[in-house]
Amino acid sequence: MNSWSLALRNVWRNTRRTVVTVMAVALSCAGLMLFGGYVSWAHIAGEVHAVMLSGHLQLFKKGFHDEGAGNPASCALSNFTELRQLILTDPVIAPRLELVTGQLLVQGMVSHAATQTSSTFVGIGALAGDIERVIRWNPYGLTEARDIPANGHLFATGPELAADDPEGITLGDGLARVLGITPGDQSAENRPSLELMSLPPAGGLPNMVSGSVRRTSIRAMEDLDNRLIILPLALASELMFPGEPLHVTSVQVLLKRTEDLPLVQRRLAELDERHHLGIEQRNWEELNPNNIRSVRMLDMFFIFAFCIVIVVLVFTIYNTMMMGIVERTRETGAIRAMGVTRGGVIAMFVQEGAVIGFIGGLAGVALGLTAAWCINQSMILYTPPYYNVEAKLEIFCTRPPGIILASFLGCFVVAIVGAFFPARRASRMEIAEALRH
């Protein structure tokens, strides 16, 4: 009789014990799949959220991160239009591009004459429409925040900026309350008017522009919510550089695929050297270090959980096989007396452990895929760090497919290892002593 057929028959001698052991293997495999699928989703979601915040790549004037923290406008790029056109027409970069846009960081004082209130502010000047294009980047097919009913009130109003509204600005809800403005969408007929003041980069008398509040929007961090203003790039440039061409503190590059980032960075370095652009680069990982730390922490949690599952599973398999070996002591002595070697005894019991691991692993894969499908079909929501919107929890067991294979093989190998030590002990029994048992 084939040794594997014999092993399959032997494991079902005690049906209850085998079923319990197979369930333990299946639950371990399914648990590893689900946790691995969650970590995979966290990696993908973290990448998407980070790219939404900063794009794949930002270009700054050389020295910006060393000298521009206190006065970002002093390190602004005055050649934004030319630099943008150079990137859009480059034969290497252009096919991989989704968007090239610019942002101008400004800071100063904002006042509301109608309520006689004022406050400091941090402003981001952006091109109308480009903000929406960046936050809609989603090549992995994640559930978008605007498609979740719980976020409906956040997307019920119009966009933060509009091309046909050159003076329309958006405030954080906290700043709106400080200025005595009711948070929410503002009526077009009676929009509050604000005065923005800021010192020019070279010093001197402050510049001033006026803007009307088109809407307010809550921000995830309180300090940012109490100070942030989103304003059109042309208005921000006029505030800091009146009468001059469009200036930006950063050029934001959004790619179609993250995998193209190293190639694009190398090409931009070549263009910088060839055209003497005087720029420095920061990719999305460098701009969002907390995102990388959070994902790496989840990786460590997965390794820790994997080790715990493996240890528990080894002892479960060991206990099951040991009980079976004790019950079959005389049988072991008999087959040894018939000429079966110690290696043959080890192989027999290890094969039985492998059968348990194989059946349990297959059941675990089926259970894990079913549980992942149920979770993905449900609407389990949570709020990611640094965000003010609800996100849908998803499990990506098949992205990459290696998660299923690693979970299955891990449990299968552990079952073999757990069976080896009892099998080794059984092979060392004295034949006469085993027959007297």
Protein backbone atom coordinates (compact mmCIF):
# COMPACT_ATOMS: atom_id res chain seq x y z
CA MET A 1 0.00 0.00 0.00
CA ASN A 2 1.24 3.48 -0.82
CA SER A 3 2.80 5.13 2.25
CA TRP A 4 0.76 8.31 1.78
CA SER A 5 -2.50 6.35 1.60
CA LEU A 6 -1.49 4.57 4.80
CA ALA A 7 -0.70 7.91 6.46
CA LEU A 8 -4.12 9.27 5.43
CA ARG A 9 -5.85 6.22 6.97
CA ASN A 10 -3.79 6.43 10.17
CA VAL A 11 -4.59 10.09 10.91
CA TRP A 12 -8.33 9.27 10.92
CA ARG A 13 -8.03 6.50 13.49
CA ASN A 14 -9.05 9.02 16.12
CA THR A 15 -11.46 11.24 14.20
CA ARG A 16 -12.18 13.70 17.00
CA ARG A 17 -8.53 14.42 17.74
CA THR A 18 -7.65 14.76 14.07
CA VAL A 19 -10.57 17.11 13.42
CA VAL A 20 -9.53 19.35 16.31
CA THR A 21 -5.91 19.41 15.09
CA VAL A 22 -6.92 20.13 11.49
CA MET A 23 -9.14 22.97 12.77
CA ALA A 24 -6.18 24.40 14.71
CA VAL A 25 -4.03 24.32 11.56
CA ALA A 26 -6.86 25.81 9.46
CA LEU A 27 -7.53 28.64 11.91
CA SER A 28 -3.81 29.40 12.14
CA CYS A 29 -3.48 29.50 8.35
CA ALA A 30 -6.62 31.65 7.97
CA GLY A 31 -5.45 34.00 10.71
CA LEU A 32 -2.07 34.47 9.07
CA MET A 33 -3.77 35.09 5.72
CA LEU A 34 -6.12 37.70 7.16
CA PHE A 35 -3.42 39.52 9.08
CA GLY A 36 -1.08 39.35 6.08
CA GLY A 37 -3.89 40.64 3.86
CA TYR A 38 -4.50 43.50 6.28
CA VAL A 39 -0.80 44.43 6.32
CA SER A 40 -0.76 44.28 2.50
CA TRP A 41 -3.78 46.59 2.39
CA ALA A 42 -2.12 48.91 4.93
CA HIS A 43 0.96 49.16 2.67
CA ILE A 44 -1.17 50.00 -0.37
CA ALA A 45 -3.52 52.37 1.50
CA GLY A 46 -0.56 54.09 3.16
CA GLU A 47 1.04 54.65 -0.23
CA VAL A 48 -2.20 56.04 -1.72
CA HIS A 49 -2.82 58.34 1.25
CA ALA A 50 0.77 59.63 1.20
CA VAL A 51 0.66 60.28 -2.54
CA MET A 52 -2.63 62.13 -2.08
CA LEU A 53 -0.89 64.44 0.40
CA SER A 54 2.32 65.15 -1.47
CA GLY A 55 2.32 63.52 -4.91
CA HIS A 56 5.01 61.01 -5.83
CA LEU A 57 7.73 63.61 -6.02
CA GLN A 58 8.26 67.26 -5.19
CA LEU A 59 10.94 69.51 -6.63
CA PHE A 60 12.31 72.40 -4.56
CA LYS A 61 14.88 75.10 -5.06
CA LYS A 62 18.25 73.74 -3.97
CA GLY A 63 18.71 74.43 -0.26
CA PHE A 64 14.99 74.72 0.50
CA HIS A 65 14.99 72.18 3.33
CA ASP A 66 18.01 73.82 4.98
CA GLU A 67 17.02 77.47 4.62
CA GLY A 68 13.33 77.68 3.76
CA ALA A 69 11.65 76.44 6.94
CA GLY A 70 11.11 79.89 8.47
CA ASN A 71 10.53 81.77 5.22
CA PRO A 72 9.49 79.31 2.47
CA ALA A 73 8.75 82.05 -0.06
CA SER A 74 12.41 83.13 0.04
CA CYS A 75 13.27 79.81 -1.64
CA ALA A 76 10.50 79.92 -4.22
CA LEU A 77 11.03 78.83 -7.82
CA SER A 78 10.47 81.65 -10.30
CA ASN A 79 10.70 79.42 -13.38
CA PHE A 80 7.70 77.19 -12.64
CA THR A 81 6.15 77.54 -16.10
CA GLU A 82 9.38 76.63 -17.91
CA LEU A 83 10.17 73.77 -15.51
CA ARG A 84 6.69 72.35 -15.85
CA GLN A 85 6.86 72.48 -19.64
CA LEU A 86 10.29 70.79 -19.61
CA ILE A 87 8.89 67.87 -17.58
CA LEU A 88 5.69 67.57 -19.64
CA THR A 89 7.62 67.36 -22.92
CA ASP A 90 10.45 65.08 -21.80
CA PRO A 91 10.25 61.81 -23.82
CA VAL A 92 11.21 59.65 -20.82
CA ILE A 93 9.02 61.26 -18.13
CA ALA A 94 5.95 62.36 -20.11
CA PRO A 95 4.51 58.87 -20.83
CA ARG A 96 4.66 58.07 -17.12
CA LEU A 97 3.09 61.31 -15.91
CA GLU A 98 -0.36 61.81 -14.47
CA LEU A 99 0.04 65.45 -13.42
CA VAL A 100 2.59 68.22 -12.88
CA THR A 101 1.41 71.05 -10.67
CA GLY A 102 2.79 73.65 -8.30
CA GLN A 103 2.22 74.84 -4.76
CA LEU A 104 3.24 78.01 -2.96
CA LEU A 105 3.49 78.05 0.83
CA VAL A 106 2.66 81.39 2.43
CA GLN A 107 2.23 82.59 5.99
CA GLY A 108 1.05 85.79 7.55
CA MET A 109 -2.02 87.42 9.10
CA VAL A 110 -5.66 87.12 8.08
CA SER A 111 -8.35 89.54 9.26
CA HIS A 112 -12.13 89.68 9.01
CA ALA A 113 -13.30 93.28 9.19
CA ALA A 114 -16.98 92.40 9.69
CA THR A 115 -16.25 90.70 13.02
CA GLN A 116 -13.06 92.65 13.85
CA THR A 117 -11.09 89.42 14.28
CA SER A 118 -7.70 88.32 13.03
CA SER A 119 -5.34 85.38 13.28
CA THR A 120 -2.09 84.02 11.93
CA PHE A 121 -2.43 81.62 9.00
CA VAL A 122 -0.53 79.13 6.89
CA GLY A 123 -1.62 79.11 3.28
CA ILE A 124 -1.20 76.70 0.39
CA GLY A 125 -1.55 78.20 -3.06
CA ALA A 126 -2.64 75.59 -5.61
CA LEU A 127 -4.02 75.36 -9.12
CA ALA A 128 -7.79 74.88 -9.25
CA GLY A 129 -8.71 71.35 -10.29
CA ASP A 130 -5.27 69.87 -9.59
CA ILE A 131 -6.14 69.18 -5.95
CA GLU A 132 -9.04 66.99 -7.05
CA ARG A 133 -6.85 65.14 -9.54
CA VAL A 134 -4.26 64.36 -6.88
CA ILE A 135 -6.73 63.09 -4.27
CA ARG A 136 -8.45 60.92 -6.88
CA TRP A 137 -5.22 59.01 -7.68
CA ASN A 138 -6.19 55.42 -6.98
CA PRO A 139 -4.62 52.86 -9.35
CA TYR A 140 -5.15 50.01 -6.87
CA GLY A 141 -8.94 50.23 -6.82
CA LEU A 142 -9.34 51.07 -3.14
CA THR A 143 -12.78 52.17 -1.97
CA GLU A 144 -12.74 55.96 -2.31
CA ALA A 145 -13.67 58.11 0.66
CA ARG A 146 -16.32 59.97 -1.33
CA ASP A 147 -18.11 56.66 -2.05
CA ILE A 148 -18.60 55.94 1.68
CA PRO A 149 -21.99 57.22 2.96
CA ALA A 150 -20.47 58.25 6.31
CA ASN A 151 -18.34 60.82 4.45
CA GLY A 152 -21.23 62.26 2.48
CA HIS A 153 -21.33 65.52 4.42
CA LEU A 154 -17.63 66.17 3.68
CA PHE A 155 -18.13 65.97 -0.08
CA ALA A 156 -21.60 67.53 -0.29
CA THR A 157 -20.13 70.99 -0.93
CA GLY A 158 -18.16 72.08 -3.97
CA PRO A 159 -14.39 71.81 -4.52
CA GLU A 160 -11.99 73.82 -2.40
CA LEU A 161 -10.93 75.93 -5.40
CA ALA A 162 -12.56 76.72 -8.75
CA ALA A 163 -11.07 78.09 -11.96
CA ASP A 164 -13.96 80.53 -12.38
CA ASP A 165 -13.53 81.87 -8.83
CA PRO A 166 -10.06 83.51 -8.77
CA GLU A 167 -10.58 85.05 -5.31
CA GLY A 168 -12.40 82.12 -3.66
CA ILE A 169 -10.52 80.54 -0.74
CA THR A 170 -11.17 77.68 1.69
CA LEU A 171 -10.56 77.88 5.44
CA GLY A 172 -10.11 75.22 8.06
CA ASP A 173 -13.18 74.99 10.30
CA GLY A 174 -11.11 76.00 13.33
CA LEU A 175 -9.80 79.15 11.64
CA ALA A 176 -13.33 79.98 10.46
CA ARG A 177 -14.57 79.88 14.06
CA VAL A 178 -11.68 82.10 15.19
CA LEU A 179 -12.67 84.66 12.54
CA GLY A 180 -16.35 84.46 13.44
CA ILE A 181 -17.41 82.67 10.25
CA THR A 182 -19.97 79.89 10.37
CA PRO A 183 -18.31 76.65 9.15
CA GLY A 184 -19.74 75.09 6.00
CA ASP A 185 -20.45 76.11 2.44
CA GLN A 186 -20.86 79.85 2.04
CA SER A 187 -23.66 81.36 -0.04
CA ALA A 188 -22.49 82.97 -3.28
CA GLU A 189 -24.48 86.14 -2.57
CA ASN A 190 -23.02 86.99 0.83
CA ARG A 191 -19.59 85.39 1.12
CA PRO A 192 -17.33 86.70 3.91
CA SER A 193 -14.43 88.79 2.63
CA LEU A 194 -11.00 88.44 4.25
CA GLU A 195 -7.78 90.42 4.01
CA LEU A 196 -4.53 88.43 3.84
CA MET A 197 -1.25 90.12 4.78
CA SER A 198 2.28 88.75 4.49
CA LEU A 199 5.79 90.11 4.52
CA PRO A 200 7.59 89.86 1.16
CA PRO A 201 10.56 87.45 1.08
CA ALA A 202 13.07 90.29 0.80
CA GLY A 203 11.52 92.22 3.72
CA GLY A 204 9.88 95.64 3.76
CA LEU A 205 6.22 96.62 4.01
CA PRO A 206 3.68 93.78 4.06
CA ASN A 207 1.71 92.88 0.95
CA MET A 208 -2.06 92.50 1.08
CA VAL A 209 -4.71 90.77 -1.03
CA SER A 210 -8.41 90.16 -0.52
CA GLY A 211 -10.23 86.85 -0.84
CA SER A 212 -13.76 85.60 -0.30
CA VAL A 213 -14.58 82.44 1.62
CA ARG A 214 -16.24 79.90 -0.71
CA ARG A 215 -16.30 77.10 1.89
CA THR A 216 -14.69 75.73 5.04
CA SER A 217 -13.28 72.25 5.54
CA ILE A 218 -12.33 70.38 8.70
CA ARG A 219 -8.72 69.15 8.98
CA ALA A 220 -7.50 66.11 10.87
CA MET A 221 -4.96 67.95 13.05
CA GLU A 222 -6.28 70.73 15.29
CA ASP A 223 -3.30 73.04 14.84
CA LEU A 224 -3.63 72.82 11.05
CA ASP A 225 -7.42 73.24 11.23
CA ASN A 226 -6.94 76.47 13.21
CA ARG A 227 -4.49 78.01 10.70
CA LEU A 228 -4.90 76.58 7.20
CA ILE A 229 -6.09 78.50 4.15
CA ILE A 230 -6.27 76.98 0.65
CA LEU A 231 -6.11 79.73 -1.99
CA PRO A 232 -5.60 79.93 -5.77
CA LEU A 233 -1.95 79.80 -6.80
CA ALA A 234 -2.22 83.09 -8.70
CA LEU A 235 -3.63 84.83 -5.60
CA ALA A 236 -0.90 83.38 -3.37
CA SER A 237 1.78 84.43 -5.86
CA GLU A 238 0.30 87.93 -6.02
CA LEU A 239 0.43 88.13 -2.22
CA MET A 240 4.11 87.19 -2.02
CA PHE A 241 5.40 88.42 -5.39
CA PRO A 242 3.09 91.20 -6.66
CA GLY A 243 3.54 92.02 -10.32
CA GLU A 244 5.95 89.12 -10.92
CA PRO A 245 5.53 85.84 -12.85
CA LEU A 246 3.99 82.83 -11.09
CA HIS A 247 6.17 81.53 -8.24
CA VAL A 248 5.98 78.17 -6.42
CA THR A 249 7.83 76.71 -3.47
CA SER A 250 7.43 73.17 -4.85
CA VAL A 251 6.64 71.46 -8.14
CA GLN A 252 4.49 68.40 -7.45
CA VAL A 253 4.85 65.42 -9.79
CA LEU A 254 2.16 62.72 -9.85
CA LEU A 255 2.91 59.52 -11.77
CA LYS A 256 0.61 56.87 -13.17
CA ARG A 257 2.53 54.12 -11.37
CA THR A 258 4.72 54.28 -8.28
CA GLU A 259 7.06 51.70 -9.84
CA ASP A 260 8.26 54.37 -12.29
CA LEU A 261 9.49 56.68 -9.53
CA PRO A 262 13.19 55.62 -9.50
CA LEU A 263 13.44 56.05 -13.28
CA VAL A 264 11.78 59.49 -13.14
CA GLN A 265 14.07 60.60 -10.32
CA ARG A 266 17.16 59.58 -12.27
CA ARG A 267 15.89 61.39 -15.36
CA LEU A 268 15.15 64.57 -13.39
CA ALA A 269 18.66 64.45 -11.95
CA GLU A 270 20.01 64.28 -15.51
CA LEU A 271 17.84 67.24 -16.58
CA ASP A 272 18.97 69.21 -13.54
CA GLU A 273 22.62 68.64 -14.42
CA ARG A 274 22.11 69.33 -18.13
CA HIS A 275 19.98 72.50 -17.81
CA HIS A 276 21.41 73.76 -14.48
CA LEU A 277 17.92 73.92 -12.94
CA GLY A 278 19.17 74.24 -9.36
CA ILE A 279 16.55 71.91 -7.86
CA GLU A 280 16.46 69.17 -5.25
CA GLN A 281 14.05 66.23 -5.03
CA ARG A 282 11.99 64.66 -2.26
CA ASN A 283 9.91 61.55 -2.94
CA TRP A 284 6.68 60.57 -1.19
CA GLU A 285 8.45 58.39 1.37
CA GLU A 286 10.81 61.20 2.39
CA LEU A 287 7.93 63.69 2.59
CA ASN A 288 5.77 61.35 4.70
CA PRO A 289 8.16 59.57 7.09
CA ASN A 290 5.43 58.82 9.65
CA ASN A 291 3.58 56.75 7.06
CA ILE A 292 6.64 54.53 6.54
CA ARG A 293 7.12 54.14 10.29
CA SER A 294 3.49 53.14 10.79
CA VAL A 295 3.66 50.49 8.06
CA ARG A 296 6.94 49.11 9.40
CA MET A 297 5.36 48.87 12.84
CA LEU A 298 2.56 46.76 11.33
CA ASP A 299 5.22 44.55 9.71
CA MET A 300 6.74 43.96 13.13
CA PHE A 301 3.30 43.14 14.58
CA PHE A 302 2.82 40.57 11.80
CA ILE A 303 6.20 38.94 12.50
CA PHE A 304 5.40 38.84 16.22
CA ALA A 305 1.95 37.32 15.60
CA PHE A 306 3.45 34.83 13.13
CA CYS A 307 5.94 33.63 15.76
CA ILE A 308 3.20 33.18 18.36
CA VAL A 309 1.01 31.23 15.93
CA ILE A 310 3.94 29.01 14.94
CA VAL A 311 4.87 28.18 18.54
CA VAL A 312 1.26 27.33 19.48
CA LEU A 313 0.82 25.25 16.34
CA VAL A 314 4.05 23.29 16.92
CA PHE A 315 2.91 22.30 20.41
CA THR A 316 -0.56 21.39 19.12
CA ILE A 317 0.85 19.10 16.43
CA TYR A 318 3.40 17.68 18.87
CA ASN A 319 0.72 16.83 21.40
CA THR A 320 -1.53 15.20 18.79
CA MET A 321 1.24 13.09 17.31
CA MET A 322 2.62 12.16 20.71
CA MET A 323 -0.76 10.86 21.86
CA GLY A 324 -1.09 8.81 18.66
CA ILE A 325 2.40 7.35 19.06
CA VAL A 326 1.73 6.33 22.67
CA GLU A 327 -1.46 4.55 21.56
CA ARG A 328 0.45 2.75 18.80
CA THR A 329 3.54 1.74 20.78
CA ARG A 330 3.03 -2.01 20.23
CA GLU A 331 2.37 -1.38 16.52
CA THR A 332 5.62 0.54 16.30
CA GLY A 333 7.48 -2.31 17.98
CA ALA A 334 5.90 -4.80 15.57
CA ILE A 335 6.90 -2.98 12.41
CA ARG A 336 10.40 -2.48 13.79
CA ALA A 337 10.57 -6.25 14.43
CA MET A 338 9.50 -6.81 10.82
CA GLY A 339 12.57 -4.94 9.62
CA VAL A 340 11.44 -1.34 9.26
CA THR A 341 14.35 0.97 10.04
CA ARG A 342 14.29 3.86 12.45
CA GLY A 343 14.27 6.20 9.45
CA GLY A 344 11.21 4.38 8.13
CA VAL A 345 9.38 4.94 11.44
CA ILE A 346 10.25 8.63 11.39
CA ALA A 347 9.06 8.92 7.77
CA MET A 348 5.75 7.18 8.62
CA PHE A 349 4.82 9.57 11.40
CA VAL A 350 6.18 12.66 9.61
CA GLN A 351 3.97 11.75 6.64
CA GLU A 352 0.98 11.68 8.97
CA GLY A 353 1.91 15.15 10.23
CA ALA A 354 2.28 16.32 6.63
CA VAL A 355 -1.21 15.01 5.81
CA ILE A 356 -2.67 16.92 8.76
CA GLY A 357 -0.77 20.07 7.69
CA PHE A 358 -1.88 19.71 4.08
CA ILE A 359 -5.57 19.20 4.89
CA GLY A 360 -5.53 21.93 7.53
CA GLY A 361 -3.68 24.30 5.20
CA LEU A 362 -6.19 23.83 2.39
CA ALA A 363 -9.08 24.32 4.80
CA GLY A 364 -7.34 27.43 6.17
CA VAL A 365 -6.91 28.92 2.68
CA ALA A 366 -10.62 28.37 1.94
CA LEU A 367 -11.60 29.79 5.34
CA GLY A 368 -9.28 32.79 4.95
CA LEU A 369 -10.54 33.67 1.47
CA THR A 370 -14.14 33.38 2.66
CA ALA A 371 -13.51 35.56 5.72
CA ALA A 372 -11.64 38.14 3.60
CA TRP A 373 -14.54 38.28 1.13
CA CYS A 374 -17.03 38.81 3.97
CA ILE A 375 -14.90 41.60 5.46
CA ASN A 376 -14.47 43.29 2.09
CA GLN A 377 -18.23 43.14 1.45
CA SER A 378 -19.04 44.66 4.83
CA MET A 379 -18.63 48.35 5.67
CA ILE A 380 -16.09 48.34 8.50
CA LEU A 381 -14.86 51.92 8.83
CA TYR A 382 -12.01 53.62 10.64
CA THR A 383 -10.25 56.99 10.52
CA PRO A 384 -6.63 56.80 9.27
CA PRO A 385 -3.94 58.89 11.02
CA TYR A 386 -3.71 62.50 9.78
CA TYR A 387 -7.07 62.24 7.96
CA ASN A 388 -10.52 63.55 8.73
CA VAL A 389 -12.46 61.07 6.56
CA GLU A 390 -13.65 57.54 7.24
CA ALA A 391 -11.84 54.77 5.33
CA LYS A 392 -13.13 51.28 4.58
CA LEU A 393 -11.19 48.33 5.97
CA GLU A 394 -10.19 45.88 3.26
CA ILE A 395 -8.21 42.62 3.26
CA PHE A 396 -5.93 41.95 0.27
CA CYS A 397 -5.09 38.26 0.62
CA THR A 398 -4.39 37.90 -3.09
CA ARG A 399 -2.30 41.07 -3.47
CA PRO A 400 0.35 39.76 -3.60
CA PRO A 401 -0.59 36.08 -4.06
CA GLY A 402 2.46 35.16 -1.99
CA ILE A 403 0.42 35.81 1.16
CA ILE A 404 -1.69 32.69 0.54
CA LEU A 405 1.32 30.59 -0.40
CA ALA A 406 3.38 31.76 2.60
CA SER A 407 0.51 31.10 5.03
CA PHE A 408 -0.15 27.63 3.60
CA LEU A 409 3.52 26.61 3.44
CA GLY A 410 4.18 28.03 6.89
CA CYS A 411 1.48 25.87 8.49
CA PHE A 412 2.44 22.85 6.37
CA VAL A 413 6.12 23.04 7.36
CA VAL A 414 5.23 23.63 11.01
CA ALA A 415 3.04 20.51 10.97
CA ILE A 416 6.00 18.48 9.64
CA VAL A 417 8.35 19.97 12.24
CA GLY A 418 5.81 19.34 15.01
CA ALA A 419 5.52 15.69 13.93
CA PHE A 420 9.24 15.10 13.58
CA PHE A 421 10.18 15.17 17.27
CA PRO A 422 7.53 12.65 18.43
CA ALA A 423 8.43 10.49 15.41
CA ARG A 424 12.11 10.61 16.36
CA ARG A 425 11.25 9.53 19.87
CA ALA A 426 9.13 6.65 18.58
CA SER A 427 11.98 5.45 16.35
CA ARG A 428 14.29 5.12 19.36
CA MET A 429 12.04 2.70 21.27
CA GLU A 430 13.55 -0.68 22.09
CA ILE A 431 11.67 -3.33 20.11
CA ALA A 432 11.18 -5.71 23.03
CA GLU A 433 10.02 -2.93 25.36
CA ALA A 434 7.58 -1.64 22.75
CA LEU A 435 6.08 -5.12 22.22
CA ARG A 436 5.56 -5.52 25.99
CA HIS A 437 3.65 -2.20 26.20
